Amino acid sequence: MGHNPLPGAWPPAPLIYELYPRSFQDSDGDGIGDLPGILRRADYLRDLGVDAVWVCPFMPSPWVDGGYDVTDYCAIHPTLGTMDDWGKLVAALHDRGLRVMIDLVLNHTSDQHPWFEKSANREDGYVDHYVWRDAKDTGAPPTNWIGRFGNLAWTWDHRRQQYYLHNYMSAQPALNLRCPRVQDDVQRIFAFWRDHGVDGFRLDAVTTYLCDEDFRDNPPASPDVRAKMDGEPFLPYVWQDHIHDFLPGDGAAYCDHLRAWAGDDAYLLGEVGTGNQSIEVCNDFTATGRLNAGYVVDLAQFGFSADVAADMMTRRTTPTGLAWWTGSHDRARQPKGPDDPEARLQLMFLALMPGPALVYQGQELGLPQPKLTRDDTTDPYDLAFWPDGPGREGARVPLPWTQADGWGFTTGAPWLPMRWSKGHDVQAQTEDDTSVLSFARQVFALRRDLDLGSLPAVNWSREGQILTLTADRFMTVFNFGDTDADSGRDDAPSVTSAPPATETWDGTLPPRTAALWRL
């Protein structure tokens, strides 16, 4: 069932809701979220006030890495639905004025993808589909490259008698995106999903698409580079400066191809997975004719602070090119719960900062990071370093909709245990006009009312732990500190992220809170 993309141009700075389909809403009682489940919640997505919905992978996959190991790019995992379900979902979201983005995982496939089987067996037309190299004379891997999971980035395949590259798990062989036939395949993938109503693409691991054509060893990472590395500090991955396996000189220019294949009207959002010179890399990848925006690791990796936010604002080239985010399916949730001021502070930050912004499902509820046991956990990254892993799977525990059995997510047993507390669910927060969900809807509506998606001129300044934004129509002050701060204004604000109520305003901003004044 085909469906056209939503007519009209994207806002320059859209507010995008990231949705992990296996954990959003189950429709058939098998404990796994699915496309018909998302359809059931289309009104909820509309009422949030976001511009677009990014749907994480739903394609056929053995789910070795949460769906980021694809076996067919132009189909739906049978557990999650059908192409007819997809068409109905796209139509429903478009009818509600929401644009639709999907994840494209082009750096690698599953090792169960038919392409890999054919390439390993040197079938005509597939010999160069993946990155293969001969062993060194000693039988050792061709380079010293280390993957993101701390393992060697090369695995031997006995059928082909060569090593294949994988930037992540060995079950995720790297596609050879320099190969013309692979590029033809990728172009067809873009066209297929555009024909099925997709308005934009989140490009997974876009900074890892290419590697050095001469296959040079990575040099050691200096202490400064290691301090900025996106990766667990206990992994050998951070001991290398990844200039040859992840970011060769023509990596950013490859985005010219992505733009041509996706179309000028498609929104392209890239995951910039590097802490080293992250903003500068993002600037290159979002230059004219490339990606619309990228998002970097800084706020999640180095702390949600005035220091990091101001540094990012200073280094970025344009406000359209840098998307703000503080949580995702790959990161442990930061707030301790709906009562934590951090939950509202982050929502206000995402709503009001100049530029695109990403909200991960559950952030609008102030959900805390669930505690999972080793037996609960299925994520290979979390399990590999248990209990010291990054906690990726905790952020994927299904969303609580009601306080009924299965939390309104499923009538069966959820694929991850749901141990939420009273007041965490959507129903309870919808009925409470002081809840985090009510606040999220308020500040997202304010974003639209102020037309921040069109990027009005916004000035900013930073003093200590205070970050101030000023524009023609509003002024916002963020207190990132752990002590009270003087807002600099005696008049009561229009919106605050936490008490005191505006009628008792004395000019003081409590720790980790923000306030907005209409001018």
Protein backbone atom coordinates (compact mmCIF):
# COMPACT_ATOMS: atom_id res chain seq x y z
CA MET A 1 0.00 0.00 0.00
CA GLY A 2 1.72 3.16 -1.17
CA HIS A 3 1.31 6.58 0.37
CA ASN A 4 2.80 9.91 -0.57
CA PRO A 5 4.95 11.98 1.77
CA LEU A 6 3.20 14.87 3.52
CA PRO A 7 3.05 17.90 1.20
CA GLY A 8 4.85 21.10 2.10
CA ALA A 9 8.24 21.90 3.52
CA TRP A 10 9.60 20.73 6.85
CA PRO A 11 10.09 23.45 9.45
CA PRO A 12 13.77 24.41 9.61
CA ALA A 13 13.90 23.29 13.25
CA PRO A 14 11.41 20.45 13.79
CA LEU A 15 10.56 18.88 17.14
CA ILE A 16 10.88 15.12 16.56
CA TYR A 17 9.55 12.34 18.81
CA GLU A 18 11.66 9.18 18.83
CA LEU A 19 9.54 6.06 19.13
CA TYR A 20 10.92 2.56 19.80
CA PRO A 21 8.18 0.37 18.25
CA ARG A 22 8.76 -2.78 20.29
CA SER A 23 8.18 -0.75 23.46
CA PHE A 24 5.47 1.74 22.51
CA GLN A 25 2.16 -0.18 22.28
CA ASP A 26 1.33 -3.85 21.77
CA SER A 27 -1.89 -4.58 19.85
CA ASP A 28 -2.07 -8.39 19.88
CA GLY A 29 -1.03 -9.49 23.37
CA ASP A 30 2.35 -11.01 22.49
CA GLY A 31 4.15 -8.53 24.74
CA ILE A 32 5.93 -6.77 21.86
CA GLY A 33 4.91 -3.36 20.54
CA ASP A 34 3.92 -3.18 16.89
CA LEU A 35 2.72 -0.90 14.10
CA PRO A 36 -1.02 -1.38 14.81
CA GLY A 37 -0.22 -0.41 18.38
CA ILE A 38 1.35 2.85 17.25
CA LEU A 39 -1.75 3.49 15.14
CA ARG A 40 -3.90 3.15 18.27
CA ARG A 41 -1.89 5.95 19.86
CA ALA A 42 -1.87 8.34 16.90
CA ASP A 43 -4.00 10.89 18.79
CA TYR A 44 -1.56 10.79 21.69
CA LEU A 45 1.29 11.66 19.33
CA ARG A 46 -0.73 14.49 17.79
CA ASP A 47 -1.69 15.88 21.20
CA LEU A 48 1.95 16.06 22.30
CA GLY A 49 2.47 18.87 19.80
CA VAL A 50 5.54 17.49 18.02
CA ASP A 51 6.23 18.00 14.31
CA ALA A 52 7.36 14.50 13.38
CA VAL A 53 7.67 10.93 14.62
CA TRP A 54 10.90 8.97 14.18
CA VAL A 55 10.15 5.25 14.20
CA CYS A 56 13.13 3.12 15.23
CA PRO A 57 13.86 -0.05 13.21
CA PHE A 58 10.88 -2.27 12.39
CA MET A 59 12.41 -4.20 9.50
CA PRO A 60 13.11 -7.95 9.51
CA SER A 61 15.97 -8.69 11.89
CA PRO A 62 17.17 -11.44 14.25
CA TRP A 63 17.23 -8.68 16.90
CA VAL A 64 20.78 -9.42 17.94
CA ASP A 65 21.21 -5.66 18.41
CA GLY A 66 17.71 -4.34 19.02
CA GLY A 67 16.70 -4.31 15.36
CA TYR A 68 19.82 -2.46 14.22
CA ASP A 69 20.86 -5.61 12.33
CA VAL A 70 18.64 -5.74 9.26
CA THR A 71 17.99 -8.72 6.99
CA ASP A 72 15.61 -6.99 4.56
CA TYR A 73 15.48 -3.21 4.09
CA CYS A 74 12.17 -3.16 2.22
CA ALA A 75 9.89 -5.20 4.46
CA ILE A 76 8.31 -5.25 7.94
CA HIS A 77 9.29 -7.68 10.69
CA PRO A 78 6.30 -10.06 10.86
CA THR A 79 6.07 -9.65 14.63
CA LEU A 80 5.60 -5.90 14.16
CA GLY A 81 3.07 -5.85 11.33
CA THR A 82 2.66 -5.74 7.56
CA MET A 83 3.14 -3.23 4.78
CA ASP A 84 -0.61 -2.64 4.93
CA ASP A 85 -0.24 -1.74 8.61
CA TRP A 86 2.54 0.64 7.65
CA GLY A 87 0.37 2.37 5.07
CA LYS A 88 -2.45 2.83 7.58
CA LEU A 89 -0.04 4.24 10.17
CA VAL A 90 1.52 6.71 7.76
CA ALA A 91 -1.93 7.86 6.61
CA ALA A 92 -3.09 8.34 10.19
CA LEU A 93 -0.02 10.35 11.19
CA HIS A 94 -0.17 12.47 8.06
CA ASP A 95 -3.87 13.12 8.66
CA ARG A 96 -2.87 14.52 12.05
CA GLY A 97 -0.23 16.78 10.54
CA LEU A 98 2.70 14.64 11.69
CA ARG A 99 5.64 13.86 9.43
CA VAL A 100 7.13 10.37 9.49
CA MET A 101 10.81 9.47 9.80
CA ILE A 102 12.34 6.01 9.84
CA ASP A 103 15.71 4.65 10.87
CA LEU A 104 18.02 3.60 8.06
CA VAL A 105 20.90 1.42 9.23
CA LEU A 106 23.24 1.60 6.26
CA ASN A 107 26.63 1.16 7.90
CA HIS A 108 26.01 -2.56 8.24
CA THR A 109 23.51 -5.37 7.79
CA SER A 110 22.85 -8.51 9.78
CA ASP A 111 25.20 -11.37 8.97
CA GLN A 112 21.97 -13.22 8.12
CA HIS A 113 21.18 -10.82 5.27
CA PRO A 114 21.15 -12.67 1.92
CA TRP A 115 23.67 -10.16 0.60
CA PHE A 116 26.24 -11.28 3.16
CA GLU A 117 25.76 -14.95 2.38
CA LYS A 118 26.26 -14.23 -1.30
CA SER A 119 29.30 -12.02 -0.66
CA ALA A 120 30.92 -14.60 1.62
CA ASN A 121 30.51 -17.17 -1.16
CA ARG A 122 31.80 -14.74 -3.82
CA GLU A 123 28.63 -14.84 -5.90
CA ASP A 124 28.66 -12.64 -8.96
CA GLY A 125 27.45 -9.13 -8.24
CA TYR A 126 28.05 -9.42 -4.49
CA VAL A 127 31.81 -9.90 -4.19
CA ASP A 128 32.39 -6.30 -3.11
CA HIS A 129 29.15 -5.71 -1.16
CA TYR A 130 31.01 -5.76 2.17
CA VAL A 131 34.45 -4.66 3.36
CA TRP A 132 36.72 -7.71 2.97
CA ARG A 133 40.49 -7.81 3.42
CA ASP A 134 43.19 -10.45 3.35
CA ALA A 135 44.94 -11.40 6.55
CA LYS A 136 48.46 -10.23 7.25
CA ASP A 137 51.23 -12.72 6.54
CA THR A 138 50.98 -13.88 10.13
CA GLY A 139 47.23 -14.52 9.81
CA ALA A 140 46.47 -11.49 11.94
CA PRO A 141 43.66 -9.05 11.06
CA PRO A 142 44.51 -6.48 8.37
CA THR A 143 44.50 -3.46 10.74
CA ASN A 144 44.55 -2.66 14.44
CA TRP A 145 41.01 -1.24 14.40
CA ILE A 146 38.86 -1.82 17.47
CA GLY A 147 35.06 -1.75 17.28
CA ARG A 148 32.66 0.25 19.42
CA PHE A 149 31.85 -2.76 21.61
CA GLY A 150 35.52 -3.15 22.53
CA ASN A 151 36.14 -6.10 20.23
CA LEU A 152 38.48 -6.34 17.25
CA ALA A 153 36.78 -4.82 14.22
CA TRP A 154 37.60 -7.81 12.00
CA THR A 155 36.22 -11.36 11.91
CA TRP A 156 37.52 -14.25 9.83
CA ASP A 157 35.12 -15.95 7.42
CA HIS A 158 36.26 -19.45 6.49
CA ARG A 159 34.18 -19.57 3.30
CA ARG A 160 35.86 -16.59 1.76
CA GLN A 161 39.20 -17.00 3.54
CA GLN A 162 39.23 -13.32 4.37
CA TYR A 163 38.40 -10.98 7.22
CA TYR A 164 35.30 -8.78 7.13
CA LEU A 165 34.96 -5.43 8.86
CA HIS A 166 32.36 -4.73 11.54
CA ASN A 167 32.38 -1.47 13.47
CA TYR A 168 30.06 -2.96 16.07
CA MET A 169 29.24 -6.66 16.63
CA SER A 170 30.60 -9.44 14.46
CA ALA A 171 26.95 -10.15 13.54
CA GLN A 172 26.87 -6.71 11.86
CA PRO A 173 29.22 -6.82 8.83
CA ALA A 174 30.01 -3.42 7.34
CA LEU A 175 28.58 -2.66 3.91
CA ASN A 176 31.03 -1.39 1.32
CA LEU A 177 29.29 1.92 0.66
CA ARG A 178 31.94 2.84 -1.92
CA CYS A 179 30.77 -0.05 -4.14
CA PRO A 180 28.57 1.16 -7.05
CA ARG A 181 26.22 -1.82 -6.75
CA VAL A 182 25.72 -1.16 -3.03
CA GLN A 183 25.04 2.47 -3.85
CA ASP A 184 22.40 1.34 -6.35
CA ASP A 185 20.82 -0.79 -3.63
CA VAL A 186 20.80 2.10 -1.17
CA GLN A 187 19.22 4.39 -3.75
CA ARG A 188 16.44 1.82 -4.24
CA ILE A 189 15.91 1.61 -0.46
CA PHE A 190 15.44 5.37 -0.21
CA ALA A 191 13.04 5.34 -3.17
CA PHE A 192 11.03 2.43 -1.72
CA TRP A 193 10.34 4.18 1.57
CA ARG A 194 9.66 7.55 -0.04
CA ASP A 195 7.05 5.72 -2.15
CA HIS A 196 5.61 4.41 1.12
CA GLY A 197 5.07 7.83 2.64
CA VAL A 198 8.32 8.44 4.52
CA ASP A 199 9.12 12.14 4.92
CA GLY A 200 12.61 11.82 6.38
CA PHE A 201 15.32 9.49 7.59
CA ARG A 202 17.39 9.15 10.73
CA LEU A 203 20.73 7.82 9.52
CA ASP A 204 22.23 5.47 12.07
CA ALA A 205 25.98 5.79 12.64
CA VAL A 206 26.37 8.06 9.60
CA THR A 207 29.93 8.99 10.56
CA THR A 208 31.02 5.33 10.21
CA TYR A 209 29.89 4.79 6.62
CA LEU A 210 33.35 4.89 5.08
CA CYS A 211 36.79 3.74 6.12
CA ASP A 212 40.25 4.58 4.89
CA GLU A 213 40.84 3.10 1.43
CA ASP A 214 44.48 2.39 2.31
CA PHE A 215 43.50 0.58 5.52
CA ARG A 216 46.02 2.31 7.72
CA ASP A 217 46.24 1.56 11.42
CA ASN A 218 44.65 4.01 13.82
CA PRO A 219 47.16 5.95 15.92
CA PRO A 220 47.01 5.95 19.72
CA ALA A 221 44.59 8.44 21.23
CA SER A 222 46.11 11.29 23.19
CA PRO A 223 44.76 11.95 26.70
CA ASP A 224 42.75 14.89 25.33
CA VAL A 225 41.19 12.72 22.62
CA ARG A 226 40.42 9.93 25.09
CA ALA A 227 38.69 12.40 27.39
CA LYS A 228 36.32 13.37 24.58
CA MET A 229 35.72 9.87 23.22
CA ASP A 230 32.16 8.64 22.84
CA GLY A 231 32.48 5.25 24.45
CA GLU A 232 32.77 3.48 27.76
CA PRO A 233 36.05 4.58 29.38
CA PHE A 234 36.96 1.00 30.30
CA LEU A 235 36.98 -0.19 26.68
CA PRO A 236 40.12 -0.42 24.51
CA TYR A 237 38.11 1.39 21.83
CA VAL A 238 38.96 4.68 23.53
CA TRP A 239 42.70 4.01 23.28
CA GLN A 240 42.66 4.68 19.55
CA ASP A 241 42.13 7.89 17.60
CA HIS A 242 39.55 6.65 15.09
CA ILE A 243 40.64 8.65 12.08
CA HIS A 244 40.91 5.77 9.60
CA ASP A 245 38.05 3.40 10.48
CA PHE A 246 35.31 5.97 11.20
CA LEU A 247 36.09 9.38 9.80
CA PRO A 248 38.15 9.39 6.61
CA GLY A 249 38.43 12.64 4.76
CA ASP A 250 35.61 11.96 2.30
CA GLY A 251 33.06 10.87 4.92
CA ALA A 252 31.18 14.17 5.05
CA ALA A 253 31.16 14.52 1.26
CA TYR A 254 29.37 11.17 1.03
CA CYS A 255 26.31 12.98 2.36
CA ASP A 256 26.00 14.57 -1.08
CA HIS A 257 24.99 11.11 -2.32
CA LEU A 258 22.53 10.63 0.55
CA ARG A 259 20.84 13.91 -0.28
CA ALA A 260 20.53 13.02 -3.95
CA TRP A 261 19.13 9.58 -3.17
CA ALA A 262 16.63 10.76 -0.54
CA GLY A 263 15.41 13.83 -2.42
CA ASP A 264 15.66 17.52 -1.64
CA ASP A 265 12.42 17.52 0.36
CA ALA A 266 13.39 14.64 2.70
CA TYR A 267 14.60 15.56 6.17
CA LEU A 268 17.94 13.85 6.87
CA LEU A 269 19.08 13.53 10.48
CA GLY A 270 22.46 11.98 11.15
CA GLU A 271 23.80 10.31 14.26
CA VAL A 272 27.25 11.84 14.75
CA GLY A 273 28.86 9.16 16.88
CA THR A 274 32.08 10.83 17.89
CA GLY A 275 33.03 12.89 20.88
CA ASN A 276 36.19 14.18 19.21
CA GLN A 277 35.50 17.47 17.46
CA SER A 278 31.85 16.40 17.44
CA ILE A 279 30.40 19.81 16.57
CA GLU A 280 32.93 20.43 13.81
CA VAL A 281 32.16 17.00 12.33
CA CYS A 282 28.45 17.78 12.54
CA ASN A 283 29.05 21.12 10.80
CA ASP A 284 30.74 19.33 7.90
CA PHE A 285 28.04 16.68 7.59
CA THR A 286 25.28 19.32 7.55
CA ALA A 287 26.86 21.70 5.05
CA THR A 288 24.68 22.90 2.17
CA GLY A 289 23.38 20.00 0.09
CA ARG A 290 24.06 17.39 2.77
CA LEU A 291 22.14 16.46 5.93
CA ASN A 292 19.56 18.80 7.44
CA ALA A 293 20.84 18.18 10.94
CA GLY A 294 23.00 15.95 13.07
CA TYR A 295 23.00 15.20 16.74
CA VAL A 296 26.11 14.74 18.83
CA VAL A 297 26.93 12.96 22.08
CA ASP A 298 28.03 15.94 24.14
CA LEU A 299 25.04 16.54 26.44
CA ALA A 300 24.59 12.84 27.12
CA GLN A 301 28.27 11.96 27.38
CA PHE A 302 29.74 14.95 29.16
CA GLY A 303 26.79 16.20 31.20
CA PHE A 304 23.64 18.28 30.88
CA SER A 305 25.26 21.53 31.95
CA ALA A 306 25.73 25.18 31.08
CA ASP A 307 29.36 24.43 30.16
CA VAL A 308 28.44 21.84 27.56
CA ALA A 309 25.43 23.71 26.14
CA ALA A 310 27.39 26.95 25.74
CA ASP A 311 30.31 25.12 24.17
CA MET A 312 27.97 23.53 21.63
CA MET A 313 26.31 26.86 20.83
CA THR A 314 29.70 28.48 20.30
CA ARG A 315 31.09 25.83 17.98
CA ARG A 316 28.08 25.14 15.77
CA THR A 317 27.91 26.79 12.35
CA THR A 318 24.13 27.19 12.05
CA PRO A 319 21.21 26.54 14.42
CA THR A 320 19.50 24.35 11.81
CA GLY A 321 22.37 21.88 11.65
CA LEU A 322 22.59 20.84 15.31
CA ALA A 323 19.71 18.90 16.89
CA TRP A 324 19.35 19.00 20.68
CA TRP A 325 18.69 15.80 22.61
CA THR A 326 19.21 14.47 26.12
CA GLY A 327 17.93 10.90 25.84
CA SER A 328 17.49 8.07 23.34
CA HIS A 329 17.06 4.32 22.97
CA ASP A 330 20.85 4.02 23.40
CA ARG A 331 21.23 5.96 26.66
CA ALA A 332 20.17 5.41 30.24
CA ARG A 333 17.40 7.78 31.30
CA GLN A 334 18.74 10.73 33.29
CA PRO A 335 15.82 11.97 35.46
CA LYS A 336 15.13 10.05 38.66
CA GLY A 337 11.39 10.25 38.05
CA PRO A 338 8.52 12.68 37.47
CA ASP A 339 9.30 14.54 40.70
CA ASP A 340 12.90 15.22 39.69
CA PRO A 341 13.31 18.86 38.51
CA GLU A 342 15.66 17.50 35.84
CA ALA A 343 12.71 16.03 33.92
CA ARG A 344 11.02 19.40 33.39
CA LEU A 345 14.28 21.28 32.92
CA GLN A 346 15.26 19.00 30.04
CA LEU A 347 11.83 19.27 28.41
CA MET A 348 11.95 23.07 28.59
CA PHE A 349 15.48 23.02 27.17
CA LEU A 350 14.42 20.82 24.24
CA ALA A 351 11.35 22.94 23.56
CA LEU A 352 13.04 26.34 23.62
CA MET A 353 16.63 26.03 22.46
CA PRO A 354 17.16 27.40 18.94
CA GLY A 355 17.39 24.47 16.58
CA PRO A 356 15.85 21.06 15.92
CA ALA A 357 15.16 18.88 18.98
CA LEU A 358 14.58 15.19 19.69
CA VAL A 359 12.34 13.84 22.45
CA TYR A 360 12.64 10.16 23.31
CA GLN A 361 9.48 8.30 24.30
CA GLY A 362 8.92 8.51 28.05
CA GLN A 363 10.77 11.79 28.48
CA GLU A 364 7.37 13.50 28.36
CA LEU A 365 6.45 11.43 31.44
CA GLY A 366 9.68 12.03 33.34
CA LEU A 367 10.33 8.28 33.43
CA PRO A 368 13.33 7.14 35.50
CA GLN A 369 15.84 4.51 34.42
CA PRO A 370 14.34 1.10 35.30
CA LYS A 371 16.44 -1.42 37.19
CA LEU A 372 16.87 -4.62 35.23
CA THR A 373 18.52 -7.79 36.46
CA ARG A 374 21.00 -9.71 34.36
CA ASP A 375 18.29 -12.30 33.68
CA ASP A 376 15.93 -9.54 32.51
CA THR A 377 18.44 -8.11 30.06
CA THR A 378 18.75 -9.08 26.40
CA ASP A 379 20.92 -6.24 25.05
CA PRO A 380 24.36 -7.60 24.07
CA TYR A 381 26.19 -4.39 24.98
CA ASP A 382 24.71 -4.25 28.47
CA LEU A 383 25.34 -7.96 29.00
CA ALA A 384 28.94 -7.85 27.76
CA PHE A 385 29.96 -5.53 30.59
CA TRP A 386 27.36 -6.39 33.23
CA PRO A 387 26.82 -4.64 35.58
CA ASP A 388 28.97 -1.82 34.17
CA GLY A 389 27.32 -1.46 30.76
CA PRO A 390 25.67 1.76 29.63
CA GLY A 391 22.12 0.66 30.50
CA ARG A 392 20.75 0.85 26.99
CA GLU A 393 17.97 -1.64 27.59
CA GLY A 394 16.56 0.18 30.61
CA ALA A 395 15.55 3.01 28.29
CA ARG A 396 13.69 0.46 26.14
CA VAL A 397 11.37 -0.86 28.88
CA PRO A 398 7.85 -0.43 27.46
CA LEU A 399 5.84 2.72 28.00
CA PRO A 400 3.21 2.69 30.80
CA TRP A 401 -0.20 3.82 29.54
CA THR A 402 -2.46 2.91 32.47
CA GLN A 403 -2.14 1.21 35.88
CA ALA A 404 -3.95 -1.92 34.65
CA ASP A 405 -2.18 -5.26 34.32
CA GLY A 406 0.47 -4.88 31.65
CA TRP A 407 0.37 -1.12 32.24
CA GLY A 408 -1.93 -0.71 29.25
CA PHE A 409 0.98 -1.68 27.00
CA THR A 410 0.02 -5.33 26.58
CA THR A 411 -2.48 -7.94 27.70
CA GLY A 412 0.36 -10.48 27.75
CA ALA A 413 3.80 -10.59 29.32
CA PRO A 414 5.91 -7.59 28.17
CA TRP A 415 9.18 -8.43 26.48
CA LEU A 416 10.98 -6.50 29.22
CA PRO A 417 9.61 -6.37 32.79
CA MET A 418 7.60 -3.23 33.59
CA ARG A 419 8.10 -2.19 37.21
CA TRP A 420 6.80 1.35 37.00
CA SER A 421 5.37 3.22 39.98
CA LYS A 422 2.00 4.84 40.51
CA GLY A 423 1.80 8.12 38.64
CA HIS A 424 4.29 7.16 35.95
CA ASP A 425 1.59 6.22 33.42
CA VAL A 426 0.01 8.33 30.70
CA GLN A 427 -3.53 8.08 32.06
CA ALA A 428 -2.60 9.34 35.54
CA GLN A 429 -0.53 12.17 34.13
CA THR A 430 -3.21 13.16 31.61
CA GLU A 431 -5.69 13.55 34.47
CA ASP A 432 -3.24 15.73 36.45
CA ASP A 433 -2.76 19.23 35.07
CA THR A 434 0.41 19.60 37.17
CA SER A 435 2.08 16.44 35.79
CA VAL A 436 5.22 16.24 33.68
CA LEU A 437 3.12 15.19 30.68
CA SER A 438 0.90 18.26 31.06
CA PHE A 439 4.04 20.39 31.31
CA ALA A 440 5.51 18.77 28.19
CA ARG A 441 2.37 19.54 26.21
CA GLN A 442 2.45 23.11 27.54
CA VAL A 443 6.03 23.85 26.54
CA PHE A 444 5.72 22.07 23.19
CA ALA A 445 2.64 24.20 22.45
CA LEU A 446 4.64 27.26 23.51
CA ARG A 447 7.35 26.28 21.03
CA ARG A 448 4.75 26.32 18.27
CA ASP A 449 3.12 29.52 19.50
CA LEU A 450 6.50 31.27 19.44
CA ASP A 451 7.22 29.72 16.02
CA LEU A 452 10.58 28.40 17.19
CA GLY A 453 10.49 25.79 14.44
CA SER A 454 11.08 28.63 11.99
CA LEU A 455 14.15 29.75 13.92
CA PRO A 456 13.52 33.38 14.85
CA ALA A 457 16.64 35.34 15.74
CA VAL A 458 17.67 34.28 19.24
CA ASN A 459 20.59 35.75 21.15
CA TRP A 460 22.18 33.93 24.03
CA SER A 461 24.60 34.53 26.86
CA ARG A 462 26.10 32.45 29.61
CA GLU A 463 27.27 33.51 33.05
CA GLY A 464 28.34 30.80 35.44
CA GLN A 465 25.57 28.23 35.62
CA ILE A 466 23.01 30.56 34.01
CA LEU A 467 22.17 30.33 30.30
CA THR A 468 19.93 33.10 28.92
CA LEU A 469 18.09 33.22 25.61
CA THR A 470 16.53 36.43 24.31
CA ALA A 471 14.39 37.07 21.23
CA ASP A 472 11.79 39.59 20.14
CA ARG A 473 8.95 37.69 21.77
CA PHE A 474 10.48 35.93 24.77
CA MET A 475 13.32 35.59 27.24
CA THR A 476 14.31 32.30 28.89
CA VAL A 477 16.71 31.75 31.77
CA PHE A 478 18.07 28.29 32.59
CA ASN A 479 19.67 27.61 35.97
CA PHE A 480 21.91 24.58 35.50
CA GLY A 481 23.43 25.00 38.95
CA ASP A 482 22.78 23.27 42.24
CA THR A 483 21.98 26.47 44.14
CA ASP A 484 19.40 29.24 43.85
CA ALA A 485 20.16 31.89 41.24
CA ASP A 486 18.95 35.41 40.55
CA SER A 487 16.98 35.42 37.29
CA GLY A 488 17.60 39.13 36.81
CA ARG A 489 13.86 39.84 36.48
CA ASP A 490 11.36 41.06 39.07
CA ASP A 491 8.23 40.40 37.00
CA ALA A 492 6.68 36.95 37.22
CA PRO A 493 7.49 34.63 34.30
CA SER A 494 4.86 33.13 32.03
CA VAL A 495 6.21 29.59 32.49
CA THR A 496 8.50 27.97 35.03
CA SER A 497 9.78 24.41 35.00
CA ALA A 498 9.21 24.05 38.75
CA PRO A 499 7.73 25.88 41.76
CA PRO A 500 7.56 28.47 43.17
CA ALA A 501 4.32 29.44 41.49
CA THR A 502 4.45 32.65 39.50
CA GLU A 503 2.15 34.46 41.97
CA THR A 504 4.86 34.13 44.64
CA TRP A 505 7.71 35.03 42.32
CA ASP A 506 10.61 36.83 44.00
CA GLY A 507 13.10 36.71 41.12
CA THR A 508 14.83 33.55 42.34
CA LEU A 509 15.32 30.49 40.16
CA PRO A 510 15.69 27.27 42.18
CA PRO A 511 18.43 24.77 41.24
CA ARG A 512 18.01 22.94 37.93
CA THR A 513 15.02 24.97 36.79
CA ALA A 514 14.12 27.41 34.02
CA ALA A 515 11.68 30.27 33.45
CA LEU A 516 10.28 32.04 30.38
CA TRP A 517 8.92 35.55 30.00
CA ARG A 518 6.86 36.72 27.05
CA LEU A 519 8.08 40.12 25.90
